[in-house]
C-alpha atoms as a PDB file:
ATOM      1  CA  UNK A   1     -60.618 -35.704 -29.049  1.00  0.00           C
ATOM      2  CA  UNK A   2     -56.823 -35.829 -28.752  1.00  0.00           C
ATOM      3  CA  UNK A   3     -56.898 -32.840 -26.387  1.00  0.00           C
ATOM      4  CA  UNK A   4     -59.381 -34.564 -24.037  1.00  0.00           C
ATOM      5  CA  UNK A   5     -57.676 -36.425 -21.158  1.00  0.00           C
ATOM      6  CA  UNK A   6     -57.573 -40.180 -21.719  1.00  0.00           C
ATOM      7  CA  UNK A   7     -59.529 -40.724 -18.477  1.00  0.00           C
ATOM      8  CA  UNK A   8     -62.578 -39.196 -20.222  1.00  0.00           C
ATOM      9  CA  UNK A   9     -62.388 -41.343 -23.351  1.00  0.00           C
ATOM     10  CA  UNK A  10     -65.232 -43.609 -22.232  1.00  0.00           C
ATOM     11  CA  UNK A  11     -67.573 -40.698 -21.422  1.00  0.00           C
ATOM     12  CA  UNK A  12     -70.133 -39.047 -23.679  1.00  0.00           C
ATOM     13  CA  UNK A  13     -68.773 -35.671 -24.765  1.00  0.00           C
ATOM     14  CA  UNK A  14     -70.752 -33.046 -26.655  1.00  0.00           C
ATOM     15  CA  UNK A  15     -69.415 -29.668 -27.776  1.00  0.00           C
ATOM     16  CA  UNK A  16     -72.312 -27.209 -27.724  1.00  0.00           C
ATOM     17  CA  UNK A  17     -70.418 -24.164 -28.992  1.00  0.00           C
ATOM     18  CA  UNK A  18     -67.146 -22.288 -29.001  1.00  0.00           C
ATOM     19  CA  UNK A  19     -66.866 -18.512 -29.075  1.00  0.00           C
ATOM     20  CA  UNK A  20     -64.457 -15.614 -28.704  1.00  0.00           C
ATOM     21  CA  UNK A  21     -64.882 -12.205 -27.113  1.00  0.00           C
ATOM     22  CA  UNK A  22     -62.565  -9.224 -26.709  1.00  0.00           C
ATOM     23  CA  UNK A  23     -61.121  -8.818 -23.235  1.00  0.00           C
ATOM     24  CA  UNK A  24     -59.172  -5.597 -23.900  1.00  0.00           C
ATOM     25  CA  UNK A  25     -55.552  -4.732 -24.690  1.00  0.00           C
ATOM     26  CA  UNK A  26     -55.503  -7.111 -27.685  1.00  0.00           C
ATOM     27  CA  UNK A  27     -56.492 -10.102 -25.572  1.00  0.00           C
ATOM     28  CA  UNK A  28     -59.441 -12.326 -26.468  1.00  0.00           C
ATOM     29  CA  UNK A  29     -61.250 -14.788 -24.240  1.00  0.00           C
ATOM     30  CA  UNK A  30     -62.003 -18.128 -25.863  1.00  0.00           C
ATOM     31  CA  UNK A  31     -64.984 -19.964 -24.352  1.00  0.00           C
ATOM     32  CA  UNK A  32     -66.335 -23.456 -24.994  1.00  0.00           C
ATOM     33  CA  UNK A  33     -69.532 -24.987 -23.665  1.00  0.00           C
ATOM     34  CA  UNK A  34     -68.924 -28.717 -23.336  1.00  0.00           C
ATOM     35  CA  UNK A  35     -71.163 -31.403 -21.886  1.00  0.00           C
ATOM     36  CA  UNK A  36     -69.481 -34.473 -20.401  1.00  0.00           C
ATOM     37  CA  UNK A  37     -71.824 -37.251 -19.286  1.00  0.00           C
ATOM     38  CA  UNK A  38     -74.573 -34.707 -18.646  1.00  0.00           C
ATOM     39  CA  UNK A  39     -72.355 -32.256 -16.747  1.00  0.00           C
ATOM     40  CA  UNK A  40     -72.156 -28.891 -18.535  1.00  0.00           C
ATOM     41  CA  UNK A  41     -68.861 -27.003 -18.353  1.00  0.00           C
ATOM     42  CA  UNK A  42     -67.926 -23.520 -19.534  1.00  0.00           C
ATOM     43  CA  UNK A  43     -64.185 -23.572 -20.106  1.00  0.00           C
ATOM     44  CA  UNK A  44     -62.198 -20.429 -20.899  1.00  0.00           C
ATOM     45  CA  UNK A  45     -58.742 -19.465 -22.042  1.00  0.00           C
ATOM     46  CA  UNK A  46     -57.113 -16.215 -23.170  1.00  0.00           C
ATOM     47  CA  UNK A  47     -55.140 -15.504 -26.319  1.00  0.00           C
ATOM     48  CA  UNK A  48     -53.272 -12.677 -28.024  1.00  0.00           C
ATOM     49  CA  UNK A  49     -52.987 -14.684 -31.264  1.00  0.00           C
ATOM     50  CA  UNK A  50     -54.454 -12.232 -33.777  1.00  0.00           C
ATOM     51  CA  UNK A  51     -54.181 -14.695 -36.679  1.00  0.00           C
ATOM     52  CA  UNK A  52     -56.512 -17.044 -34.803  1.00  0.00           C
ATOM     53  CA  UNK A  53     -59.025 -14.224 -34.324  1.00  0.00           C
ATOM     54  CA  UNK A  54     -58.688 -13.010 -37.936  1.00  0.00           C
ATOM     55  CA  UNK A  55     -59.229 -16.512 -39.357  1.00  0.00           C
ATOM     56  CA  UNK A  56     -62.297 -17.009 -37.149  1.00  0.00           C
ATOM     57  CA  UNK A  57     -64.620 -14.940 -39.354  1.00  0.00           C
ATOM     58  CA  UNK A  58     -63.398 -15.879 -42.838  1.00  0.00           C
ATOM     59  CA  UNK A  59     -66.576 -16.168 -44.917  1.00  0.00           C
ATOM     60  CA  UNK A  60     -65.284 -17.928 -48.018  1.00  0.00           C
ATOM     61  CA  UNK A  61     -66.375 -21.486 -48.746  1.00  0.00           C
ATOM     62  CA  UNK A  62     -63.150 -22.139 -50.702  1.00  0.00           C
ATOM     63  CA  UNK A  63     -60.975 -21.148 -47.714  1.00  0.00           C
ATOM     64  CA  UNK A  64     -60.438 -23.789 -45.060  1.00  0.00           C
ATOM     65  CA  UNK A  65     -59.763 -22.503 -41.582  1.00  0.00           C
ATOM     66  CA  UNK A  66     -59.373 -24.486 -38.430  1.00  0.00           C
ATOM     67  CA  UNK A  67     -59.351 -21.460 -36.114  1.00  0.00           C
ATOM     68  CA  UNK A  68     -62.175 -22.877 -33.998  1.00  0.00           C
ATOM     69  CA  UNK A  69     -60.413 -26.234 -33.672  1.00  0.00           C
ATOM     70  CA  UNK A  70     -57.196 -24.498 -32.630  1.00  0.00           C
ATOM     71  CA  UNK A  71     -59.155 -22.429 -30.114  1.00  0.00           C
ATOM     72  CA  UNK A  72     -60.807 -25.555 -28.731  1.00  0.00           C
ATOM     73  CA  UNK A  73     -57.432 -27.259 -28.362  1.00  0.00           C
ATOM     74  CA  UNK A  74     -56.053 -24.222 -26.528  1.00  0.00           C
ATOM     75  CA  UNK A  75     -59.044 -24.189 -24.204  1.00  0.00           C
ATOM     76  CA  UNK A  76     -58.794 -27.900 -23.438  1.00  0.00           C
ATOM     77  CA  UNK A  77     -55.045 -27.798 -22.844  1.00  0.00           C
ATOM     78  CA  UNK A  78     -55.099 -24.679 -20.662  1.00  0.00           C
ATOM     79  CA  UNK A  79     -53.631 -25.891 -17.333  1.00  0.00           C
ATOM     80  CA  UNK A  80     -56.621 -24.680 -15.293  1.00  0.00           C
ATOM     81  CA  UNK A  81     -59.037 -26.449 -17.642  1.00  0.00           C
ATOM     82  CA  UNK A  82     -56.949 -29.619 -17.705  1.00  0.00           C
ATOM     83  CA  UNK A  83     -57.251 -29.760 -13.920  1.00  0.00           C
ATOM     84  CA  UNK A  84     -61.043 -29.432 -14.189  1.00  0.00           C
ATOM     85  CA  UNK A  85     -61.233 -32.149 -16.839  1.00  0.00           C
ATOM     86  CA  UNK A  86     -58.958 -34.503 -14.908  1.00  0.00           C
ATOM     87  CA  UNK A  87     -61.149 -34.108 -11.813  1.00  0.00           C
ATOM     88  CA  UNK A  88     -64.227 -35.474 -13.644  1.00  0.00           C
END
């Protein structure tokens, strides 16, 4: 919630999902589907951070990873996405 602009703090926000996909040349596209007061947004950002991608698929219940939270923060704070969020 800290990455969401303060102007949206009184709105209903629902994160449907967050995903990653290869975009080539070591770049990955991070995508989040977010619903804000009934308006569905697909927000994207790119990353070369391989540690984020590696930690994404760790399948060990004793290992805590926040890769998806970091990805979500990067998506929400991407300048293009911030402009979209501020316009709501």
